[in-house]
Amino acid sequence: MFPLSAVAVPGGAAAPQADLTAVYRAAFDALQQGAQPPQAPALTLSHFFATQRLVGGPWLHGRRGLPADGQPRYRPLVLTEAGSVFVFTVGPDVAAARAQLQAWRRQGLGLSAAVVAEHGGRWTDHPYLPSLGYGEVALGPQHGHPNL
């Protein structure tokens, strides 16, 4: 569960025809890879209950504006809102799945390479950064379910 909002998917996910399950699955797979060589993810997104909203507005437009070539650079960000729930299936390596969940709980979700490529990953690009509290993760929050 996300106690705080997170930039989990690139802005193209806002397209009405986007398959959000595929978009979120790719994002979580990419977040699990980190700097490691490609391998099967320890966790696979099964389903989710989430809402998204577009953010950026005049502030981001003013920051990006129109470059000399006249092509707009402004793209709103898609925030996955606080309270969103993601359910995963655990792969054969239970220890790796447990380690990944614990890392997300300690550090929150990072920004995927796709989000960084589209929106940047510094405070000068946008304020929705993990270092500012976005992407916090809660595991089994007060529901009486056993911990992993």
N, C-alpha and C. Protein backbone atom coordinates (compact mmCIF):
# COMPACT_ATOMS: atom_id res chain seq x y z
N MET A 1 0.84 -1.17 0.00
CA MET A 1 0.00 0.00 0.00
C MET A 1 0.89 1.24 0.00
N PHE A 2 0.48 2.28 -0.70
CA PHE A 2 1.19 3.55 -0.71
C PHE A 2 0.55 4.49 0.31
N PRO A 3 1.21 4.78 1.44
CA PRO A 3 0.67 5.77 2.35
C PRO A 3 0.75 7.19 1.75
N LEU A 4 1.71 7.41 0.86
CA LEU A 4 1.87 8.69 0.18
C LEU A 4 1.83 8.46 -1.31
N SER A 5 1.56 9.49 -2.09
CA SER A 5 1.54 9.36 -3.54
C SER A 5 2.92 8.99 -4.07
N ALA A 6 2.94 8.44 -5.28
CA ALA A 6 4.20 8.03 -5.90
C ALA A 6 4.11 8.23 -7.40
N VAL A 7 5.25 8.57 -8.00
CA VAL A 7 5.36 8.58 -9.45
C VAL A 7 5.82 7.18 -9.83
N ALA A 8 4.87 6.31 -10.14
CA ALA A 8 5.21 4.91 -10.40
C ALA A 8 5.25 4.58 -11.89
N VAL A 9 4.60 5.40 -12.70
CA VAL A 9 4.51 5.08 -14.12
C VAL A 9 4.82 6.32 -14.94
N PRO A 10 5.32 6.15 -16.18
CA PRO A 10 5.56 7.30 -17.04
C PRO A 10 4.26 7.98 -17.46
N GLY A 11 4.36 9.22 -17.91
CA GLY A 11 3.19 10.02 -18.27
C GLY A 11 2.36 9.42 -19.38
N GLY A 12 2.94 8.62 -20.26
CA GLY A 12 2.18 7.99 -21.33
C GLY A 12 1.11 7.05 -20.81
N ALA A 13 1.21 6.66 -19.55
CA ALA A 13 0.21 5.77 -18.95
C ALA A 13 -1.13 6.47 -18.79
N ALA A 14 -1.15 7.78 -18.96
CA ALA A 14 -2.39 8.52 -18.81
C ALA A 14 -3.29 8.39 -20.04
N ALA A 15 -2.77 7.83 -21.11
CA ALA A 15 -3.57 7.67 -22.32
C ALA A 15 -4.76 6.77 -22.02
N PRO A 16 -5.94 7.13 -22.51
CA PRO A 16 -7.14 6.36 -22.19
C PRO A 16 -7.04 4.88 -22.58
N GLN A 17 -6.30 4.56 -23.62
CA GLN A 17 -6.21 3.18 -24.07
C GLN A 17 -5.09 2.40 -23.37
N ALA A 18 -4.38 3.01 -22.45
CA ALA A 18 -3.27 2.35 -21.78
C ALA A 18 -3.76 1.17 -20.94
N ASP A 19 -3.03 0.06 -21.02
CA ASP A 19 -3.28 -1.11 -20.18
C ASP A 19 -2.49 -0.90 -18.89
N LEU A 20 -3.16 -0.37 -17.86
CA LEU A 20 -2.45 0.00 -16.64
C LEU A 20 -1.83 -1.20 -15.94
N THR A 21 -2.44 -2.37 -16.05
CA THR A 21 -1.82 -3.55 -15.43
C THR A 21 -0.46 -3.80 -16.06
N ALA A 22 -0.38 -3.75 -17.38
CA ALA A 22 0.90 -3.96 -18.07
C ALA A 22 1.89 -2.84 -17.73
N VAL A 23 1.41 -1.62 -17.65
CA VAL A 23 2.29 -0.48 -17.35
C VAL A 23 2.85 -0.61 -15.94
N TYR A 24 1.99 -0.89 -14.96
CA TYR A 24 2.47 -1.07 -13.59
C TYR A 24 3.37 -2.29 -13.47
N ARG A 25 3.02 -3.38 -14.13
CA ARG A 25 3.85 -4.59 -14.06
C ARG A 25 5.26 -4.28 -14.58
N ALA A 26 5.35 -3.59 -15.71
CA ALA A 26 6.66 -3.23 -16.26
C ALA A 26 7.42 -2.31 -15.31
N ALA A 27 6.72 -1.37 -14.68
CA ALA A 27 7.37 -0.46 -13.74
C ALA A 27 7.92 -1.21 -12.53
N PHE A 28 7.12 -2.10 -11.95
CA PHE A 28 7.60 -2.85 -10.78
C PHE A 28 8.71 -3.82 -11.16
N ASP A 29 8.63 -4.42 -12.34
CA ASP A 29 9.73 -5.29 -12.81
C ASP A 29 11.02 -4.48 -12.93
N ALA A 30 10.91 -3.28 -13.53
CA ALA A 30 12.09 -2.43 -13.70
C ALA A 30 12.65 -1.99 -12.35
N LEU A 31 11.78 -1.67 -11.40
CA LEU A 31 12.26 -1.25 -10.08
C LEU A 31 12.97 -2.38 -9.35
N GLN A 32 12.61 -3.62 -9.64
CA GLN A 32 13.28 -4.75 -9.01
C GLN A 32 14.65 -5.01 -9.61
N GLN A 33 14.85 -4.66 -10.88
CA GLN A 33 16.12 -4.93 -11.54
C GLN A 33 17.24 -4.06 -10.98
N GLY A 34 16.96 -2.79 -10.78
CA GLY A 34 18.00 -1.88 -10.29
C GLY A 34 19.21 -1.94 -11.19
N ALA A 35 20.37 -2.08 -10.60
CA ALA A 35 21.62 -2.13 -11.36
C ALA A 35 22.03 -3.57 -11.67
N GLN A 36 21.18 -4.52 -11.32
CA GLN A 36 21.52 -5.93 -11.54
C GLN A 36 21.25 -6.32 -12.99
N PRO A 37 21.91 -7.39 -13.46
CA PRO A 37 21.61 -7.87 -14.80
C PRO A 37 20.17 -8.39 -14.86
N PRO A 38 19.53 -8.34 -16.03
CA PRO A 38 18.14 -8.79 -16.13
C PRO A 38 17.96 -10.22 -15.64
N GLN A 39 16.92 -10.40 -14.85
CA GLN A 39 16.58 -11.72 -14.32
C GLN A 39 15.09 -11.74 -14.04
N ALA A 40 14.57 -12.90 -13.78
CA ALA A 40 13.14 -12.99 -13.46
C ALA A 40 12.88 -12.26 -12.15
N PRO A 41 11.86 -11.42 -12.10
CA PRO A 41 11.57 -10.69 -10.86
C PRO A 41 11.12 -11.64 -9.76
N ALA A 42 11.49 -11.30 -8.53
CA ALA A 42 11.07 -12.11 -7.37
C ALA A 42 9.59 -11.93 -7.10
N LEU A 43 9.04 -10.78 -7.49
CA LEU A 43 7.63 -10.46 -7.29
C LEU A 43 7.03 -10.09 -8.64
N THR A 44 5.83 -10.59 -8.89
CA THR A 44 5.12 -10.24 -10.13
C THR A 44 3.79 -9.63 -9.74
N LEU A 45 3.50 -8.47 -10.31
CA LEU A 45 2.23 -7.81 -10.01
C LEU A 45 1.08 -8.70 -10.46
N SER A 46 0.19 -9.00 -9.54
CA SER A 46 -0.99 -9.81 -9.84
C SER A 46 -2.16 -8.90 -10.21
N HIS A 47 -2.48 -7.97 -9.32
CA HIS A 47 -3.56 -7.02 -9.57
C HIS A 47 -3.39 -5.85 -8.62
N PHE A 48 -4.18 -4.83 -8.83
CA PHE A 48 -4.04 -3.63 -8.00
C PHE A 48 -5.37 -2.90 -7.89
N PHE A 49 -5.43 -2.08 -6.88
CA PHE A 49 -6.55 -1.17 -6.65
C PHE A 49 -5.91 0.20 -6.48
N ALA A 50 -5.95 1.03 -7.52
CA ALA A 50 -5.20 2.28 -7.50
C ALA A 50 -5.94 3.37 -8.24
N THR A 51 -5.68 4.57 -7.82
CA THR A 51 -6.15 5.74 -8.56
C THR A 51 -4.93 6.56 -8.94
N GLN A 52 -5.07 7.27 -10.03
CA GLN A 52 -3.99 8.10 -10.52
C GLN A 52 -4.52 9.50 -10.74
N ARG A 53 -3.61 10.46 -10.74
CA ARG A 53 -3.99 11.82 -11.09
C ARG A 53 -2.83 12.48 -11.81
N LEU A 54 -3.16 13.40 -12.68
CA LEU A 54 -2.14 14.17 -13.39
C LEU A 54 -1.75 15.36 -12.54
N VAL A 55 -0.46 15.63 -12.46
CA VAL A 55 0.04 16.77 -11.69
C VAL A 55 1.05 17.53 -12.54
N GLY A 56 1.30 18.73 -12.18
CA GLY A 56 2.29 19.55 -12.88
C GLY A 56 1.78 20.96 -13.05
N GLY A 57 0.74 21.08 -13.82
CA GLY A 57 0.06 22.35 -14.01
C GLY A 57 0.97 23.51 -14.37
N PRO A 58 0.57 24.72 -13.98
CA PRO A 58 1.31 25.92 -14.37
C PRO A 58 2.77 25.92 -13.91
N TRP A 59 3.06 25.35 -12.73
CA TRP A 59 4.44 25.36 -12.24
C TRP A 59 5.34 24.57 -13.18
N LEU A 60 4.95 23.35 -13.52
CA LEU A 60 5.79 22.52 -14.39
C LEU A 60 5.84 23.09 -15.80
N HIS A 61 4.72 23.62 -16.27
CA HIS A 61 4.70 24.23 -17.60
C HIS A 61 5.66 25.42 -17.64
N GLY A 62 5.65 26.21 -16.58
CA GLY A 62 6.57 27.35 -16.51
C GLY A 62 8.02 26.91 -16.47
N ARG A 63 8.28 25.79 -15.84
CA ARG A 63 9.66 25.27 -15.76
C ARG A 63 10.11 24.72 -17.11
N ARG A 64 9.20 24.08 -17.83
CA ARG A 64 9.55 23.44 -19.10
C ARG A 64 9.34 24.36 -20.28
N GLY A 65 8.18 25.04 -20.31
CA GLY A 65 7.87 26.00 -21.35
C GLY A 65 8.07 25.49 -22.76
N LEU A 66 8.35 26.40 -23.67
CA LEU A 66 8.61 26.07 -25.07
C LEU A 66 10.08 26.34 -25.38
N PRO A 67 10.81 25.34 -25.86
CA PRO A 67 12.19 25.58 -26.26
C PRO A 67 12.24 26.33 -27.59
N ALA A 68 13.43 26.63 -28.04
CA ALA A 68 13.63 27.41 -29.27
C ALA A 68 12.98 26.76 -30.48
N ASP A 69 12.90 25.41 -30.51
CA ASP A 69 12.32 24.75 -31.68
C ASP A 69 10.79 24.80 -31.67
N GLY A 70 10.19 25.33 -30.60
CA GLY A 70 8.75 25.50 -30.54
C GLY A 70 7.97 24.25 -30.16
N GLN A 71 8.65 23.13 -29.96
CA GLN A 71 7.98 21.89 -29.57
C GLN A 71 7.79 21.89 -28.05
N PRO A 72 6.57 21.66 -27.58
CA PRO A 72 6.35 21.69 -26.13
C PRO A 72 7.09 20.57 -25.42
N ARG A 73 7.69 20.91 -24.31
CA ARG A 73 8.38 19.91 -23.48
C ARG A 73 7.56 19.53 -22.27
N TYR A 74 6.51 20.27 -22.02
CA TYR A 74 5.70 20.02 -20.83
C TYR A 74 4.90 18.74 -20.98
N ARG A 75 5.05 17.86 -20.02
CA ARG A 75 4.22 16.65 -19.92
C ARG A 75 3.84 16.53 -18.45
N PRO A 76 2.55 16.47 -18.14
CA PRO A 76 2.19 16.28 -16.74
C PRO A 76 2.68 14.92 -16.25
N LEU A 77 2.88 14.82 -14.96
CA LEU A 77 3.27 13.55 -14.36
C LEU A 77 2.02 12.80 -13.94
N VAL A 78 2.11 11.48 -13.93
CA VAL A 78 1.02 10.64 -13.43
C VAL A 78 1.42 10.19 -12.03
N LEU A 79 0.67 10.64 -11.03
CA LEU A 79 0.91 10.20 -9.66
C LEU A 79 -0.05 9.08 -9.33
N THR A 80 0.47 8.01 -8.78
CA THR A 80 -0.36 6.98 -8.19
C THR A 80 -0.68 7.47 -6.79
N GLU A 81 -1.96 7.60 -6.48
CA GLU A 81 -2.35 8.27 -5.25
C GLU A 81 -2.16 7.42 -4.01
N ALA A 82 -2.03 8.11 -2.90
CA ALA A 82 -1.93 7.46 -1.60
C ALA A 82 -3.13 6.55 -1.39
N GLY A 83 -2.90 5.42 -0.74
CA GLY A 83 -3.96 4.45 -0.48
C GLY A 83 -4.07 3.39 -1.55
N SER A 84 -3.30 3.52 -2.63
CA SER A 84 -3.33 2.51 -3.68
C SER A 84 -2.72 1.21 -3.17
N VAL A 85 -3.29 0.09 -3.60
CA VAL A 85 -2.87 -1.22 -3.12
C VAL A 85 -2.42 -2.06 -4.32
N PHE A 86 -1.27 -2.71 -4.19
CA PHE A 86 -0.73 -3.58 -5.23
C PHE A 86 -0.51 -4.96 -4.65
N VAL A 87 -1.00 -5.98 -5.34
CA VAL A 87 -0.91 -7.37 -4.88
C VAL A 87 0.06 -8.11 -5.80
N PHE A 88 1.02 -8.80 -5.21
CA PHE A 88 2.05 -9.50 -5.97
C PHE A 88 1.98 -10.99 -5.73
N THR A 89 2.41 -11.77 -6.72
CA THR A 89 2.67 -13.19 -6.52
C THR A 89 4.17 -13.32 -6.31
N VAL A 90 4.53 -14.24 -5.45
CA VAL A 90 5.93 -14.46 -5.10
C VAL A 90 6.48 -15.56 -5.99
N GLY A 91 7.65 -15.30 -6.59
CA GLY A 91 8.31 -16.28 -7.43
C GLY A 91 8.93 -17.38 -6.59
N PRO A 92 9.70 -18.26 -7.23
CA PRO A 92 10.29 -19.39 -6.51
C PRO A 92 11.31 -18.99 -5.45
N ASP A 93 11.91 -17.81 -5.59
CA ASP A 93 12.92 -17.36 -4.63
C ASP A 93 12.25 -16.49 -3.57
N VAL A 94 11.73 -17.14 -2.54
CA VAL A 94 10.99 -16.43 -1.49
C VAL A 94 11.90 -15.46 -0.74
N ALA A 95 13.14 -15.84 -0.53
CA ALA A 95 14.08 -14.96 0.18
C ALA A 95 14.30 -13.67 -0.61
N ALA A 96 14.42 -13.76 -1.92
CA ALA A 96 14.61 -12.57 -2.76
C ALA A 96 13.37 -11.69 -2.71
N ALA A 97 12.18 -12.30 -2.72
CA ALA A 97 10.94 -11.54 -2.63
C ALA A 97 10.86 -10.81 -1.30
N ARG A 98 11.19 -11.50 -0.23
CA ARG A 98 11.17 -10.88 1.11
C ARG A 98 12.17 -9.72 1.16
N ALA A 99 13.36 -9.92 0.60
CA ALA A 99 14.38 -8.87 0.60
C ALA A 99 13.91 -7.65 -0.20
N GLN A 100 13.27 -7.90 -1.34
CA GLN A 100 12.78 -6.79 -2.16
C GLN A 100 11.71 -6.00 -1.43
N LEU A 101 10.76 -6.68 -0.80
CA LEU A 101 9.71 -5.99 -0.06
C LEU A 101 10.28 -5.18 1.11
N GLN A 102 11.25 -5.77 1.80
CA GLN A 102 11.86 -5.06 2.92
C GLN A 102 12.62 -3.82 2.43
N ALA A 103 13.29 -3.94 1.28
CA ALA A 103 14.00 -2.78 0.72
C ALA A 103 13.01 -1.68 0.36
N TRP A 104 11.89 -2.05 -0.27
CA TRP A 104 10.88 -1.04 -0.60
C TRP A 104 10.30 -0.41 0.66
N ARG A 105 10.11 -1.20 1.70
CA ARG A 105 9.56 -0.64 2.94
C ARG A 105 10.56 0.34 3.57
N ARG A 106 11.84 -0.01 3.55
CA ARG A 106 12.86 0.87 4.13
C ARG A 106 13.10 2.14 3.30
N GLN A 107 13.20 1.97 1.97
CA GLN A 107 13.64 3.06 1.11
C GLN A 107 12.53 3.67 0.27
N GLY A 108 11.37 3.04 0.22
CA GLY A 108 10.31 3.50 -0.68
C GLY A 108 10.62 3.08 -2.10
N LEU A 109 9.70 3.36 -2.99
CA LEU A 109 9.91 3.05 -4.40
C LEU A 109 10.78 4.13 -5.01
N GLY A 110 11.73 3.72 -5.80
CA GLY A 110 12.52 4.70 -6.54
C GLY A 110 11.75 5.14 -7.77
N LEU A 111 12.38 5.92 -8.60
CA LEU A 111 11.81 6.29 -9.88
C LEU A 111 12.33 5.32 -10.92
N SER A 112 11.46 4.78 -11.74
CA SER A 112 11.90 3.86 -12.78
C SER A 112 12.69 4.63 -13.83
N ALA A 113 13.49 3.91 -14.60
CA ALA A 113 14.27 4.53 -15.67
C ALA A 113 13.36 5.24 -16.67
N ALA A 114 12.17 4.68 -16.92
CA ALA A 114 11.23 5.30 -17.86
C ALA A 114 10.73 6.64 -17.34
N VAL A 115 10.46 6.72 -16.04
CA VAL A 115 10.00 7.98 -15.45
C VAL A 115 11.13 9.01 -15.48
N VAL A 116 12.34 8.59 -15.15
CA VAL A 116 13.48 9.52 -15.16
C VAL A 116 13.74 10.02 -16.58
N ALA A 117 13.65 9.12 -17.57
CA ALA A 117 13.87 9.53 -18.96
C ALA A 117 12.83 10.55 -19.42
N GLU A 118 11.60 10.39 -18.98
CA GLU A 118 10.53 11.27 -19.43
C GLU A 118 10.44 12.57 -18.64
N HIS A 119 10.70 12.49 -17.31
CA HIS A 119 10.46 13.65 -16.45
C HIS A 119 11.68 14.13 -15.69
N GLY A 120 12.74 13.36 -15.68
CA GLY A 120 13.91 13.71 -14.88
C GLY A 120 13.82 13.11 -13.49
N GLY A 121 14.90 13.16 -12.77
CA GLY A 121 14.93 12.55 -11.44
C GLY A 121 15.53 13.44 -10.38
N ARG A 122 15.61 14.75 -10.66
CA ARG A 122 16.18 15.69 -9.70
C ARG A 122 15.11 16.66 -9.21
N TRP A 123 15.38 17.32 -8.10
CA TRP A 123 14.40 18.26 -7.55
C TRP A 123 14.17 19.43 -8.49
N THR A 124 15.13 19.72 -9.37
CA THR A 124 14.93 20.81 -10.33
C THR A 124 13.99 20.40 -11.46
N ASP A 125 13.72 19.09 -11.59
CA ASP A 125 12.82 18.60 -12.63
C ASP A 125 11.37 18.56 -12.15
N HIS A 126 11.16 18.08 -10.94
CA HIS A 126 9.83 18.00 -10.34
C HIS A 126 9.98 17.66 -8.86
N PRO A 127 8.96 17.96 -8.06
CA PRO A 127 9.07 17.74 -6.61
C PRO A 127 8.63 16.36 -6.13
N TYR A 128 8.24 15.46 -7.02
CA TYR A 128 7.64 14.18 -6.60
C TYR A 128 8.71 13.10 -6.49
N LEU A 129 9.66 13.29 -5.63
CA LEU A 129 10.82 12.42 -5.51
C LEU A 129 10.74 11.55 -4.26
N PRO A 130 11.29 10.34 -4.34
CA PRO A 130 11.33 9.48 -3.15
C PRO A 130 12.02 10.15 -1.96
N SER A 131 13.05 10.94 -2.22
CA SER A 131 13.76 11.60 -1.12
C SER A 131 12.89 12.63 -0.41
N LEU A 132 11.77 13.01 -1.04
CA LEU A 132 10.84 13.96 -0.43
C LEU A 132 9.60 13.25 0.13
N GLY A 133 9.66 11.93 0.21
CA GLY A 133 8.58 11.16 0.83
C GLY A 133 7.63 10.50 -0.14
N TYR A 134 7.74 10.79 -1.43
CA TYR A 134 6.84 10.15 -2.40
C TYR A 134 7.30 8.72 -2.64
N GLY A 135 6.34 7.81 -2.74
CA GLY A 135 6.66 6.41 -2.99
C GLY A 135 6.86 5.58 -1.74
N GLU A 136 6.41 6.08 -0.59
CA GLU A 136 6.50 5.30 0.65
C GLU A 136 5.66 4.04 0.51
N VAL A 137 6.15 2.95 1.09
CA VAL A 137 5.49 1.65 0.98
C VAL A 137 5.16 1.14 2.38
N ALA A 138 3.95 0.60 2.54
CA ALA A 138 3.55 -0.07 3.78
C ALA A 138 3.19 -1.50 3.43
N LEU A 139 3.67 -2.45 4.21
CA LEU A 139 3.40 -3.87 3.96
C LEU A 139 2.41 -4.36 5.00
N GLY A 140 1.28 -4.90 4.53
CA GLY A 140 0.27 -5.45 5.45
C GLY A 140 -0.08 -4.50 6.57
N PRO A 141 -0.45 -3.24 6.26
CA PRO A 141 -0.65 -2.24 7.32
C PRO A 141 -1.86 -2.52 8.19
N GLN A 142 -1.65 -2.95 9.41
CA GLN A 142 -2.67 -3.10 10.44
C GLN A 142 -3.92 -3.83 9.96
N HIS A 143 -3.74 -4.88 9.22
CA HIS A 143 -4.88 -5.66 8.76
C HIS A 143 -4.92 -7.04 9.41
N GLY A 144 -3.96 -7.30 10.28
CA GLY A 144 -3.94 -8.57 10.96
C GLY A 144 -3.35 -9.72 10.14
N HIS A 145 -2.81 -9.42 8.96
CA HIS A 145 -2.20 -10.47 8.15
C HIS A 145 -0.78 -10.72 8.65
N PRO A 146 -0.31 -11.95 8.57
CA PRO A 146 1.05 -12.23 9.02
C PRO A 146 2.07 -11.55 8.09
N ASN A 147 3.18 -11.12 8.68
CA ASN A 147 4.26 -10.52 7.90
C ASN A 147 4.98 -11.58 7.09
N LEU A 148 5.60 -11.17 6.02
CA LEU A 148 6.42 -12.10 5.24
C LEU A 148 7.68 -12.46 5.99
